[in-house]
Amino acid sequence: MDWTAEDTAGKVPLAFTIFGSSVAEQVAQVRHAESVGADWVILQPPPAGSYGAPEYIKFFGRVAEATDLPVAIQNAPAFFGRGLSSDEIRELVTLHPNIRLIKGEGPVTDIAGLIERTEGRIPVFNGRGGLELIDNFRIGCRGMILAPDCADYAVRAYHAFRAGDEVTAEAEYARILPAAVFVMQGIESLVCYGKRLFGARAGIPVHDRAPAMRPGEPGLAMVERFAIGLGRLPG
């Protein structure tokens, strides 16, 4: 948090993903985020245990009540093994007005249902490495929260779509689609190969934090091919 706040120096909105197994852990992280000038925070469900929706609603609510910052919820049941339905998210944001954004991690068909059930009252972003990028915009996602490996293409696609140029938007998306499919085989694959794709395009070394999925030669060859095809990241 400290490094990111120092490097961005107020030039862009600053958000931090908050995680922890207890309300106290997450509130402590939120407090630190506040101290370094965060503009908003993104809460993840506690990684320990598996509970019913009422418990997660209470958990998120208690953390959200501890801050005046705008709060987002990352809802990724396919990746985390726990999450909330569209109706449960609707209940959560009704109970806690400072929960102002949802980061969905799901297919367009699911995210469309979430936007419908929340009646467009809360901005919804998607992730999933940019899969179904343009259709996410078509159903009403305000944007995407992505890993940085192909962010430059995603940004160009976003601006083209908002300008009404869907042909260019689809073309930019088509260029990153094979790489997005490759890295988004799961969280472990994203951390292993997506991070290496970013490192190759950014010209920085990559280090694993054990325990971690280790890359294989076929995967490294694919990373190299995608990195060459996509080119260096701007800047």
Protein backbone atom coordinates (compact mmCIF):
# COMPACT_ATOMS: atom_id res chain seq x y z
CA MET A 1 0.00 0.00 0.00
CA ASP A 2 2.75 2.43 0.96
CA TRP A 3 4.71 1.84 -2.25
CA THR A 4 1.66 2.20 -4.49
CA ALA A 5 0.53 5.39 -2.77
CA GLU A 6 4.04 6.83 -3.08
CA ASP A 7 4.39 5.91 -6.76
CA THR A 8 0.95 7.18 -7.83
CA ALA A 9 1.28 10.35 -5.71
CA GLY A 10 -2.36 11.35 -6.16
CA LYS A 11 -2.19 11.33 -9.95
CA VAL A 12 -4.89 8.64 -10.31
CA PRO A 13 -7.68 7.27 -8.09
CA LEU A 14 -6.21 4.78 -5.63
CA ALA A 15 -7.99 1.58 -4.57
CA PHE A 16 -6.75 -1.37 -2.56
CA THR A 17 -8.07 -4.92 -2.38
CA ILE A 18 -8.65 -5.86 1.24
CA PHE A 19 -8.47 -9.46 2.42
CA GLY A 20 -8.32 -11.31 5.71
CA SER A 21 -9.96 -14.10 7.65
CA SER A 22 -11.67 -11.87 10.22
CA VAL A 23 -13.44 -8.55 10.43
CA ALA A 24 -10.60 -7.25 12.61
CA GLU A 25 -7.97 -8.18 10.00
CA GLN A 26 -9.85 -6.47 7.22
CA VAL A 27 -10.63 -3.37 9.26
CA ALA A 28 -6.92 -3.07 10.12
CA GLN A 29 -6.07 -3.14 6.41
CA VAL A 30 -8.80 -0.59 5.67
CA ARG A 31 -7.35 1.70 8.35
CA HIS A 32 -3.93 1.54 6.70
CA ALA A 33 -5.47 2.16 3.29
CA GLU A 34 -7.12 5.28 4.72
CA SER A 35 -3.82 6.45 6.21
CA VAL A 36 -2.05 6.41 2.82
CA GLY A 37 -4.84 8.23 1.00
CA ALA A 38 -6.93 5.48 -0.60
CA ASP A 39 -9.96 6.69 -2.53
CA TRP A 40 -11.85 3.40 -2.11
CA VAL A 41 -11.36 -0.22 -1.05
CA ILE A 42 -12.38 -3.58 -2.49
CA LEU A 43 -13.40 -6.27 0.01
CA GLN A 44 -12.91 -9.99 -0.56
CA PRO A 45 -14.79 -12.68 1.39
CA PRO A 46 -12.80 -14.26 4.23
CA PRO A 47 -10.71 -17.16 2.85
CA ALA A 48 -11.38 -19.39 5.88
CA GLY A 49 -14.42 -21.63 6.11
CA SER A 50 -17.60 -21.77 4.09
CA TYR A 51 -20.76 -20.06 5.32
CA GLY A 52 -24.23 -19.13 4.23
CA ALA A 53 -25.06 -15.83 2.58
CA PRO A 54 -26.32 -14.13 5.79
CA GLU A 55 -22.88 -14.56 7.37
CA TYR A 56 -21.08 -13.01 4.40
CA ILE A 57 -23.57 -10.14 4.28
CA LYS A 58 -22.89 -9.44 7.97
CA PHE A 59 -19.14 -9.75 7.44
CA PHE A 60 -19.01 -7.29 4.55
CA GLY A 61 -21.40 -4.97 6.36
CA ARG A 62 -19.28 -4.80 9.52
CA VAL A 63 -16.16 -3.95 7.54
CA ALA A 64 -17.98 -1.39 5.41
CA GLU A 65 -19.42 0.29 8.50
CA ALA A 66 -15.90 0.83 9.82
CA THR A 67 -14.95 3.31 7.09
CA ASP A 68 -16.26 6.39 5.36
CA LEU A 69 -14.51 5.35 2.13
CA PRO A 70 -16.56 4.04 -0.78
CA VAL A 71 -16.48 0.25 -0.66
CA ALA A 72 -16.59 -2.33 -3.44
CA ILE A 73 -17.20 -6.07 -3.12
CA GLN A 74 -15.29 -8.60 -5.19
CA ASN A 75 -17.76 -11.37 -5.90
CA ALA A 76 -15.93 -14.33 -7.43
CA PRO A 77 -17.60 -17.58 -6.35
CA ALA A 78 -16.00 -19.58 -9.18
CA PHE A 79 -12.51 -18.55 -8.01
CA PHE A 80 -12.98 -18.16 -4.25
CA GLY A 81 -15.41 -21.02 -3.69
CA ARG A 82 -17.70 -18.58 -1.86
CA GLY A 83 -19.79 -15.61 -2.91
CA LEU A 84 -23.24 -14.07 -3.12
CA SER A 85 -26.10 -14.35 -5.58
CA SER A 86 -27.50 -11.34 -7.42
CA ASP A 87 -30.40 -11.05 -4.97
CA GLU A 88 -28.03 -11.31 -1.99
CA ILE A 89 -25.84 -8.54 -3.40
CA ARG A 90 -28.96 -6.43 -3.86
CA GLU A 91 -29.77 -6.95 -0.16
CA LEU A 92 -26.19 -6.10 0.85
CA VAL A 93 -26.01 -2.80 -1.03
CA THR A 94 -29.46 -1.83 0.24
CA LEU A 95 -28.36 -2.35 3.85
CA HIS A 96 -25.02 -0.57 3.45
CA PRO A 97 -25.14 2.55 1.23
CA ASN A 98 -21.35 3.06 1.20
CA ILE A 99 -20.98 -0.24 -0.69
CA ARG A 100 -21.03 1.52 -4.06
CA LEU A 101 -19.48 -0.86 -6.57
CA ILE A 102 -19.38 -4.56 -7.39
CA LYS A 103 -16.42 -6.27 -8.98
CA GLY A 104 -17.96 -9.34 -10.57
CA GLU A 105 -15.84 -12.24 -11.74
CA GLY A 106 -18.17 -14.19 -13.95
CA PRO A 107 -19.51 -14.79 -17.45
CA VAL A 108 -21.54 -12.10 -19.17
CA THR A 109 -24.74 -14.09 -18.70
CA ASP A 110 -24.31 -13.99 -14.90
CA ILE A 111 -23.18 -10.37 -14.73
CA ALA A 112 -26.16 -9.30 -16.85
CA GLY A 113 -28.43 -10.85 -14.24
CA LEU A 114 -26.63 -8.97 -11.47
CA ILE A 115 -27.03 -5.64 -13.28
CA GLU A 116 -30.72 -6.39 -13.84
CA ARG A 117 -31.39 -7.40 -10.23
CA THR A 118 -29.65 -4.32 -8.83
CA GLU A 119 -31.62 -2.18 -11.33
CA GLY A 120 -28.51 -0.30 -12.42
CA ARG A 121 -28.29 1.37 -9.00
CA ILE A 122 -24.70 0.29 -8.41
CA PRO A 123 -21.82 0.30 -10.91
CA VAL A 124 -20.69 -3.19 -11.86
CA PHE A 125 -17.22 -3.99 -13.16
CA ASN A 126 -16.07 -7.38 -14.41
CA GLY A 127 -12.66 -9.02 -14.43
CA ARG A 128 -11.75 -12.54 -15.61
CA GLY A 129 -8.69 -11.31 -17.47
CA GLY A 130 -10.81 -9.48 -20.04
CA LEU A 131 -12.74 -12.46 -21.37
CA GLU A 132 -15.94 -11.37 -23.18
CA LEU A 133 -14.60 -7.83 -22.94
CA ILE A 134 -16.88 -6.05 -25.41
CA ASP A 135 -20.02 -7.92 -24.40
CA ASN A 136 -19.40 -6.81 -20.81
CA PHE A 137 -19.67 -3.23 -22.04
CA ARG A 138 -22.79 -4.06 -24.05
CA ILE A 139 -24.67 -5.37 -21.01
CA GLY A 140 -23.86 -2.26 -18.99
CA CYS A 141 -20.61 -2.91 -17.11
CA ARG A 142 -19.04 0.45 -16.30
CA GLY A 143 -15.57 -0.94 -16.95
CA MET A 144 -13.19 -3.78 -16.15
CA ILE A 145 -10.72 -4.42 -13.34
CA LEU A 146 -8.01 -6.51 -14.94
CA ALA A 147 -4.55 -7.86 -14.39
CA PRO A 148 -2.09 -5.59 -16.22
CA ASP A 149 -0.71 -8.06 -18.78
CA CYS A 150 -3.01 -6.81 -21.60
CA ALA A 151 -4.35 -3.62 -20.03
CA ASP A 152 -3.22 -1.36 -22.89
CA TYR A 153 -5.38 -3.23 -25.42
CA ALA A 154 -8.31 -3.33 -23.00
CA VAL A 155 -8.13 0.43 -22.48
CA ARG A 156 -8.10 1.08 -26.23
CA ALA A 157 -11.05 -1.27 -26.67
CA TYR A 158 -12.94 0.53 -23.89
CA HIS A 159 -12.41 3.98 -25.37
CA ALA A 160 -13.32 2.79 -28.87
CA PHE A 161 -16.54 1.23 -27.59
CA ARG A 162 -17.51 4.36 -25.65
CA ALA A 163 -16.88 6.40 -28.80
CA GLY A 164 -19.29 4.17 -30.73
CA ASP A 165 -16.57 2.41 -32.75
CA GLU A 166 -17.39 -1.22 -32.04
CA VAL A 167 -15.34 -2.47 -34.99
CA THR A 168 -12.12 -1.09 -33.49
CA ALA A 169 -13.16 -2.25 -30.01
CA GLU A 170 -13.68 -5.80 -31.26
CA ALA A 171 -10.36 -5.72 -33.14
CA GLU A 172 -8.43 -4.67 -30.02
CA TYR A 173 -10.19 -7.40 -28.04
CA ALA A 174 -9.42 -10.02 -30.70
CA ARG A 175 -5.71 -9.30 -30.34
CA ILE A 176 -5.66 -10.17 -26.63
CA LEU A 177 -8.22 -12.98 -26.65
CA PRO A 178 -5.80 -15.92 -27.20
CA ALA A 179 -3.55 -14.68 -24.39
CA ALA A 180 -6.54 -14.08 -22.08
CA VAL A 181 -7.85 -17.60 -22.70
CA PHE A 182 -4.38 -19.02 -22.03
CA VAL A 183 -3.77 -17.29 -18.69
CA MET A 184 -7.36 -17.50 -17.38
CA GLN A 185 -7.42 -21.26 -16.86
CA GLY A 186 -7.65 -20.51 -13.16
CA ILE A 187 -6.14 -18.33 -10.44
CA GLU A 188 -2.95 -20.43 -10.29
CA SER A 189 -2.48 -20.16 -14.04
CA LEU A 190 -3.09 -16.42 -13.97
CA VAL A 191 -0.53 -15.90 -11.23
CA CYS A 192 2.01 -18.16 -12.93
CA TYR A 193 1.69 -17.27 -16.59
CA GLY A 194 -0.24 -13.99 -16.56
CA LYS A 195 2.41 -12.49 -14.30
CA ARG A 196 5.13 -13.72 -16.66
CA LEU A 197 3.33 -12.26 -19.66
CA PHE A 198 3.19 -8.90 -17.89
CA GLY A 199 6.86 -9.18 -16.92
CA ALA A 200 7.88 -9.99 -20.49
CA ARG A 201 5.92 -7.06 -21.90
CA ALA A 202 7.10 -4.67 -19.17
CA GLY A 203 10.74 -5.76 -19.26
CA ILE A 204 10.91 -6.69 -15.57
CA PRO A 205 11.91 -9.95 -13.85
CA VAL A 206 9.26 -12.17 -12.28
CA HIS A 207 9.63 -14.06 -9.00
CA ASP A 208 7.29 -16.65 -7.50
CA ARG A 209 6.09 -16.59 -3.91
CA ALA A 210 5.95 -20.17 -2.70
CA PRO A 211 3.82 -22.18 -2.65
CA ALA A 212 3.07 -21.50 -6.30
CA MET A 213 2.35 -23.20 -9.59
CA ARG A 214 5.63 -23.61 -11.50
CA PRO A 215 5.81 -22.85 -15.21
CA GLY A 216 6.48 -25.56 -17.78
CA GLU A 217 8.34 -25.25 -21.06
CA PRO A 218 5.18 -25.27 -23.24
CA GLY A 219 3.67 -22.51 -21.12
CA LEU A 220 6.82 -20.41 -21.20
CA ALA A 221 6.97 -20.77 -24.98
CA MET A 222 3.39 -19.52 -25.21
CA VAL A 223 4.18 -16.58 -22.95
CA GLU A 224 7.11 -15.64 -25.19
CA ARG A 225 5.00 -15.89 -28.34
CA PHE A 226 2.16 -13.81 -26.89
CA ALA A 227 4.59 -11.19 -25.54
CA ILE A 228 6.23 -10.79 -28.94
CA GLY A 229 2.89 -10.56 -30.69
CA LEU A 230 1.46 -8.00 -28.27
CA GLY A 231 4.65 -5.93 -28.02
CA ARG A 232 6.08 -3.93 -25.17
CA LEU A 233 3.74 -2.17 -22.77
CA PRO A 234 3.60 1.60 -23.33
CA GLY A 235 5.92 3.49 -21.00
